[in-house]
Amino acid sequence: RGSLREYNTLLLLAYLVLGFSVFTRAVTIWALLALLSAPRAWMLTRQVAANRGRALNKSLADTGQLVLLFGVLYSLGLVISRLVQ
């Protein structure tokens, strides 16, 4: 149970820090492109909660893909913000 709580907390924190960064103007609104990965994060939190054993390995591998997607979208937002200036 504790590991599931930690998993959900860390995913939530990624999106909260993103929102806070935009709110404080540390990054531009274009960084919010990373929010396009949120539906996948929601799906993964439900999968991780439901799976056990070997089935959980697939969900954790998918989490790695989610991290990559979040990073690519965030980076794309930063690049676009520089180009739009």
C-alpha atoms as a PDB file:
ATOM      1  CA  ARG A   1       0.000   0.000   0.000  1.00  0.00           C
ATOM      2  CA  GLY A   2       2.757   2.446   0.829  1.00  0.00           C
ATOM      3  CA  SER A   3       4.472   1.897  -2.511  1.00  0.00           C
ATOM      4  CA  LEU A   4       1.217   2.604  -4.351  1.00  0.00           C
ATOM      5  CA  ARG A   5       0.765   5.819  -2.378  1.00  0.00           C
ATOM      6  CA  GLU A   6       4.330   6.835  -3.225  1.00  0.00           C
ATOM      7  CA  TYR A   7       3.810   6.055  -6.928  1.00  0.00           C
ATOM      8  CA  ASN A   8       0.647   8.172  -7.067  1.00  0.00           C
ATOM      9  CA  THR A   9       2.224  11.000  -5.072  1.00  0.00           C
ATOM     10  CA  LEU A  10       5.264  11.230  -7.331  1.00  0.00           C
ATOM     11  CA  LEU A  11       3.136  11.287 -10.477  1.00  0.00           C
ATOM     12  CA  LEU A  12       0.901  13.965  -8.998  1.00  0.00           C
ATOM     13  CA  LEU A  13       3.902  16.030  -7.916  1.00  0.00           C
ATOM     14  CA  ALA A  14       5.247  16.133 -11.466  1.00  0.00           C
ATOM     15  CA  TYR A  15       2.058  17.802 -12.663  1.00  0.00           C
ATOM     16  CA  LEU A  16       1.754  20.081  -9.629  1.00  0.00           C
ATOM     17  CA  VAL A  17       5.324  21.337 -10.059  1.00  0.00           C
ATOM     18  CA  LEU A  18       4.577  21.975 -13.722  1.00  0.00           C
ATOM     19  CA  GLY A  19       1.522  24.054 -12.823  1.00  0.00           C
ATOM     20  CA  PHE A  20       3.405  25.906 -10.091  1.00  0.00           C
ATOM     21  CA  SER A  21       6.254  26.675 -12.506  1.00  0.00           C
ATOM     22  CA  VAL A  22       3.840  28.231 -14.973  1.00  0.00           C
ATOM     23  CA  PHE A  23       2.003  30.086 -12.189  1.00  0.00           C
ATOM     24  CA  THR A  24       5.235  31.632 -10.912  1.00  0.00           C
ATOM     25  CA  ARG A  25       6.318  32.366 -14.490  1.00  0.00           C
ATOM     26  CA  ALA A  26       9.449  30.252 -14.166  1.00  0.00           C
ATOM     27  CA  VAL A  27       8.420  28.799 -17.524  1.00  0.00           C
ATOM     28  CA  THR A  28       5.938  29.959 -20.151  1.00  0.00           C
ATOM     29  CA  ILE A  29       2.477  28.593 -20.674  1.00  0.00           C
ATOM     30  CA  TRP A  30       3.847  26.480 -23.532  1.00  0.00           C
ATOM     31  CA  ALA A  31       5.322  24.146 -20.928  1.00  0.00           C
ATOM     32  CA  LEU A  32       1.759  23.039 -20.236  1.00  0.00           C
ATOM     33  CA  LEU A  33       2.025  20.882 -23.347  1.00  0.00           C
ATOM     34  CA  ALA A  34       3.243  18.253 -20.887  1.00  0.00           C
ATOM     35  CA  LEU A  35      -0.323  18.080 -19.555  1.00  0.00           C
ATOM     36  CA  LEU A  36      -1.191  16.120 -22.689  1.00  0.00           C
ATOM     37  CA  SER A  37       0.397  13.154 -20.921  1.00  0.00           C
ATOM     38  CA  ALA A  38      -1.985  13.409 -17.940  1.00  0.00           C
ATOM     39  CA  PRO A  39      -4.651  11.000 -19.272  1.00  0.00           C
ATOM     40  CA  ARG A  40      -1.970   8.343 -19.673  1.00  0.00           C
ATOM     41  CA  ALA A  41      -0.786   9.011 -16.112  1.00  0.00           C
ATOM     42  CA  TRP A  42      -4.328   8.590 -14.836  1.00  0.00           C
ATOM     43  CA  MET A  43      -4.670   5.291 -16.699  1.00  0.00           C
ATOM     44  CA  LEU A  44      -1.355   4.058 -15.281  1.00  0.00           C
ATOM     45  CA  THR A  45      -2.280   4.887 -11.683  1.00  0.00           C
ATOM     46  CA  ARG A  46      -5.358   2.691 -12.083  1.00  0.00           C
ATOM     47  CA  GLN A  47      -3.341  -0.104 -13.714  1.00  0.00           C
ATOM     48  CA  VAL A  48      -0.660  -0.074 -11.019  1.00  0.00           C
ATOM     49  CA  ALA A  49      -3.337  -0.192  -8.318  1.00  0.00           C
ATOM     50  CA  ALA A  50      -5.020  -3.185  -9.967  1.00  0.00           C
ATOM     51  CA  ASN A  51      -1.997  -5.250 -11.020  1.00  0.00           C
ATOM     52  CA  ARG A  52       0.206  -7.546  -8.992  1.00  0.00           C
ATOM     53  CA  GLY A  53       3.185  -9.732  -9.813  1.00  0.00           C
ATOM     54  CA  ARG A  54       4.288 -10.002 -13.425  1.00  0.00           C
ATOM     55  CA  ALA A  55       1.405  -7.897 -14.707  1.00  0.00           C
ATOM     56  CA  LEU A  56       2.795  -5.012 -12.664  1.00  0.00           C
ATOM     57  CA  ASN A  57       6.070  -5.132 -14.626  1.00  0.00           C
ATOM     58  CA  LYS A  58       4.256  -4.024 -17.804  1.00  0.00           C
ATOM     59  CA  SER A  59       2.666  -1.121 -15.953  1.00  0.00           C
ATOM     60  CA  LEU A  60       6.023  -0.025 -14.586  1.00  0.00           C
ATOM     61  CA  ALA A  61       7.575  -0.227 -18.061  1.00  0.00           C
ATOM     62  CA  ASP A  62       4.697   1.918 -19.320  1.00  0.00           C
ATOM     63  CA  THR A  63       5.558   4.395 -16.563  1.00  0.00           C
ATOM     64  CA  GLY A  64       8.998   4.793 -18.122  1.00  0.00           C
ATOM     65  CA  GLN A  65       7.302   5.629 -21.411  1.00  0.00           C
ATOM     66  CA  LEU A  66       5.108   8.146 -19.590  1.00  0.00           C
ATOM     67  CA  VAL A  67       8.185   9.860 -18.150  1.00  0.00           C
ATOM     68  CA  LEU A  68       9.668  10.054 -21.636  1.00  0.00           C
ATOM     69  CA  LEU A  69       6.427  11.469 -23.071  1.00  0.00           C
ATOM     70  CA  PHE A  70       6.185  14.059 -20.289  1.00  0.00           C
ATOM     71  CA  GLY A  71       9.804  15.092 -20.850  1.00  0.00           C
ATOM     72  CA  VAL A  72       9.469  15.353 -24.618  1.00  0.00           C
ATOM     73  CA  LEU A  73       6.268  17.409 -24.389  1.00  0.00           C
ATOM     74  CA  TYR A  74       7.762  19.680 -21.731  1.00  0.00           C
ATOM     75  CA  SER A  75      10.906  20.190 -23.823  1.00  0.00           C
ATOM     76  CA  LEU A  76       8.821  20.853 -26.916  1.00  0.00           C
ATOM     77  CA  GLY A  77       6.915  23.507 -24.983  1.00  0.00           C
ATOM     78  CA  LEU A  78      10.166  25.175 -23.956  1.00  0.00           C
ATOM     79  CA  VAL A  79      11.479  25.131 -27.530  1.00  0.00           C
ATOM     80  CA  ILE A  80       8.232  26.576 -28.879  1.00  0.00           C
ATOM     81  CA  SER A  81       8.301  29.339 -26.259  1.00  0.00           C
ATOM     82  CA  ARG A  82      11.789  30.340 -27.440  1.00  0.00           C
ATOM     83  CA  LEU A  83      10.715  30.310 -31.092  1.00  0.00           C
ATOM     84  CA  VAL A  84       7.583  32.376 -30.450  1.00  0.00           C
ATOM     85  CA  GLN A  85       9.450  35.130 -28.616  1.00  0.00           C
END
